[in-house]
Amino acid sequence: MDNKDFYDVSWDEMEKLAVALTEENNMEVKQTSIVLYAQPGCPMCQMLKRLLDKANISYIVEEDLTALKYLNMIHVPVLVVDGQYLKYPEALRWVKENDNSRQN
């Protein structure tokens, strides 16, 4: 089974999505290198959002299921910092280590 059959989205649709996401978020991506991949209603995702907000860390939230499938993410939340993918436990540690609210 190839990846095209695994997903219910064609490669053309994936390419269009990637271009659209890049164009839409281009300014934001340049300003921050932190993206939180999450799903609505996910308790761990909500907790990580609250911790990021409390720590005054700027981030972009990506909740598009098509984008998550495209990136082969089967579990959320995933925090991407400078291209490094951090699963929930690693993300919690990273937030604690980079808490900007303590610096104020």
C-alpha atoms as a PDB file:
ATOM      1  CA  MET A   1       0.000   0.000   0.000  1.00  0.00           C
ATOM      2  CA  ASP A   2       1.480   3.338  -0.973  1.00  0.00           C
ATOM      3  CA  ASN A   3       0.935   6.571   0.949  1.00  0.00           C
ATOM      4  CA  LYS A   4      -1.491   7.892  -1.648  1.00  0.00           C
ATOM      5  CA  ASP A   5      -3.872   4.997  -0.919  1.00  0.00           C
ATOM      6  CA  PHE A   6      -3.370   5.327   2.841  1.00  0.00           C
ATOM      7  CA  TYR A   7      -4.655   8.887   2.940  1.00  0.00           C
ATOM      8  CA  ASP A   8      -7.975   9.974   1.548  1.00  0.00           C
ATOM      9  CA  VAL A   9      -6.294  12.996  -0.005  1.00  0.00           C
ATOM     10  CA  SER A  10      -4.541  13.081  -3.361  1.00  0.00           C
ATOM     11  CA  TRP A  11      -0.941  14.200  -3.758  1.00  0.00           C
ATOM     12  CA  ASP A  12      -2.138  17.232  -5.740  1.00  0.00           C
ATOM     13  CA  GLU A  13      -4.380  18.230  -2.850  1.00  0.00           C
ATOM     14  CA  MET A  14      -1.488  17.774  -0.413  1.00  0.00           C
ATOM     15  CA  GLU A  15       0.769  19.989  -2.518  1.00  0.00           C
ATOM     16  CA  LYS A  16      -1.929  22.665  -2.723  1.00  0.00           C
ATOM     17  CA  LEU A  17      -2.388  22.472   1.051  1.00  0.00           C
ATOM     18  CA  ALA A  18       1.353  22.768   1.676  1.00  0.00           C
ATOM     19  CA  VAL A  19       1.601  25.807  -0.609  1.00  0.00           C
ATOM     20  CA  ALA A  20      -1.461  27.412   0.975  1.00  0.00           C
ATOM     21  CA  LEU A  21      -0.191  26.821   4.521  1.00  0.00           C
ATOM     22  CA  THR A  22       3.221  28.186   3.619  1.00  0.00           C
ATOM     23  CA  GLU A  23       1.796  31.283   1.975  1.00  0.00           C
ATOM     24  CA  GLU A  24      -0.807  31.859   4.688  1.00  0.00           C
ATOM     25  CA  ASN A  25       1.611  31.464   7.586  1.00  0.00           C
ATOM     26  CA  ASN A  26       4.753  32.772   5.909  1.00  0.00           C
ATOM     27  CA  MET A  27       4.931  35.961   7.970  1.00  0.00           C
ATOM     28  CA  GLU A  28       4.123  34.155  11.203  1.00  0.00           C
ATOM     29  CA  VAL A  29       6.664  31.391  10.547  1.00  0.00           C
ATOM     30  CA  LYS A  30       9.386  34.001  10.011  1.00  0.00           C
ATOM     31  CA  GLN A  31       8.485  35.693  13.300  1.00  0.00           C
ATOM     32  CA  THR A  32       8.381  32.517  15.356  1.00  0.00           C
ATOM     33  CA  SER A  33       9.820  29.081  15.005  1.00  0.00           C
ATOM     34  CA  ILE A  34       7.357  27.371  17.362  1.00  0.00           C
ATOM     35  CA  VAL A  35       4.336  25.468  16.065  1.00  0.00           C
ATOM     36  CA  LEU A  36       1.928  23.488  18.195  1.00  0.00           C
ATOM     37  CA  TYR A  37       0.181  20.690  16.311  1.00  0.00           C
ATOM     38  CA  ALA A  38      -3.024  19.909  18.158  1.00  0.00           C
ATOM     39  CA  GLN A  39      -6.617  18.767  17.825  1.00  0.00           C
ATOM     40  CA  PRO A  40      -9.683  20.522  19.194  1.00  0.00           C
ATOM     41  CA  GLY A  41     -10.936  18.871  22.359  1.00  0.00           C
ATOM     42  CA  CYS A  42      -7.590  17.237  23.185  1.00  0.00           C
ATOM     43  CA  PRO A  43      -6.948  17.736  26.926  1.00  0.00           C
ATOM     44  CA  MET A  44      -3.165  17.465  26.612  1.00  0.00           C
ATOM     45  CA  CYS A  45      -3.223  19.987  23.756  1.00  0.00           C
ATOM     46  CA  GLN A  46      -5.245  22.416  25.868  1.00  0.00           C
ATOM     47  CA  MET A  47      -2.843  21.978  28.795  1.00  0.00           C
ATOM     48  CA  LEU A  48       0.183  22.644  26.593  1.00  0.00           C
ATOM     49  CA  LYS A  49      -1.500  25.764  25.163  1.00  0.00           C
ATOM     50  CA  ARG A  50      -2.166  27.060  28.689  1.00  0.00           C
ATOM     51  CA  LEU A  51       1.437  26.415  29.733  1.00  0.00           C
ATOM     52  CA  LEU A  52       2.816  28.141  26.634  1.00  0.00           C
ATOM     53  CA  ASP A  53       0.552  31.136  27.261  1.00  0.00           C
ATOM     54  CA  LYS A  54       1.469  31.275  30.960  1.00  0.00           C
ATOM     55  CA  ALA A  55       5.162  31.150  30.025  1.00  0.00           C
ATOM     56  CA  ASN A  56       4.677  34.034  27.539  1.00  0.00           C
ATOM     57  CA  ILE A  57       5.977  31.900  24.667  1.00  0.00           C
ATOM     58  CA  SER A  58       4.713  32.883  21.210  1.00  0.00           C
ATOM     59  CA  TYR A  59       3.561  30.020  19.018  1.00  0.00           C
ATOM     60  CA  ILE A  60       1.343  29.090  16.099  1.00  0.00           C
ATOM     61  CA  VAL A  61      -1.388  26.481  16.508  1.00  0.00           C
ATOM     62  CA  GLU A  62      -2.046  24.066  13.645  1.00  0.00           C
ATOM     63  CA  GLU A  63      -5.232  22.018  14.073  1.00  0.00           C
ATOM     64  CA  ASP A  64      -5.878  21.082  10.432  1.00  0.00           C
ATOM     65  CA  LEU A  65      -6.320  17.305  10.328  1.00  0.00           C
ATOM     66  CA  THR A  66      -5.120  17.182   6.724  1.00  0.00           C
ATOM     67  CA  ALA A  67      -1.857  18.849   7.713  1.00  0.00           C
ATOM     68  CA  LEU A  68      -1.458  16.409  10.610  1.00  0.00           C
ATOM     69  CA  LYS A  69      -1.959  13.452   8.255  1.00  0.00           C
ATOM     70  CA  TYR A  70       0.443  14.971   5.749  1.00  0.00           C
ATOM     71  CA  LEU A  71       3.126  15.130   8.445  1.00  0.00           C
ATOM     72  CA  ASN A  72       2.333  11.568   9.594  1.00  0.00           C
ATOM     73  CA  MET A  73       1.371  12.776  13.066  1.00  0.00           C
ATOM     74  CA  ILE A  74      -0.752  10.128  14.729  1.00  0.00           C
ATOM     75  CA  HIS A  75      -0.507  11.570  18.244  1.00  0.00           C
ATOM     76  CA  VAL A  76      -0.957  15.134  19.416  1.00  0.00           C
ATOM     77  CA  PRO A  77       0.170  17.430  20.834  1.00  0.00           C
ATOM     78  CA  VAL A  78       3.468  17.869  19.060  1.00  0.00           C
ATOM     79  CA  LEU A  79       5.475  21.030  19.586  1.00  0.00           C
ATOM     80  CA  VAL A  80       7.911  21.914  16.816  1.00  0.00           C
ATOM     81  CA  VAL A  81      10.741  24.193  17.924  1.00  0.00           C
ATOM     82  CA  ASP A  82      13.287  25.193  15.291  1.00  0.00           C
ATOM     83  CA  GLY A  83      12.465  22.053  13.314  1.00  0.00           C
ATOM     84  CA  GLN A  84      12.750  19.729  16.314  1.00  0.00           C
ATOM     85  CA  TYR A  85       9.613  17.668  16.967  1.00  0.00           C
ATOM     86  CA  LEU A  86       8.801  17.356  20.669  1.00  0.00           C
ATOM     87  CA  LYS A  87       6.150  14.949  21.896  1.00  0.00           C
ATOM     88  CA  TYR A  88       4.100  15.885  24.955  1.00  0.00           C
ATOM     89  CA  PRO A  89       6.626  14.973  27.715  1.00  0.00           C
ATOM     90  CA  GLU A  90       9.525  16.640  25.889  1.00  0.00           C
ATOM     91  CA  ALA A  91       7.340  19.660  25.105  1.00  0.00           C
ATOM     92  CA  LEU A  92       6.449  20.065  28.793  1.00  0.00           C
ATOM     93  CA  ARG A  93      10.150  20.015  29.716  1.00  0.00           C
ATOM     94  CA  TRP A  94      10.981  22.501  26.959  1.00  0.00           C
ATOM     95  CA  VAL A  95       8.274  24.925  28.109  1.00  0.00           C
ATOM     96  CA  LYS A  96       9.504  24.711  31.698  1.00  0.00           C
ATOM     97  CA  GLU A  97      13.100  25.386  30.615  1.00  0.00           C
ATOM     98  CA  ASN A  98      12.063  28.307  28.378  1.00  0.00           C
ATOM     99  CA  ASP A  99       9.492  29.993  30.617  1.00  0.00           C
ATOM    100  CA  ASN A 100       9.712  33.690  29.651  1.00  0.00           C
ATOM    101  CA  SER A 101       7.379  34.803  32.448  1.00  0.00           C
ATOM    102  CA  ARG A 102      10.137  34.204  35.016  1.00  0.00           C
ATOM    103  CA  GLN A 103      12.426  36.612  33.183  1.00  0.00           C
ATOM    104  CA  ASN A 104      10.049  39.555  33.644  1.00  0.00           C
END
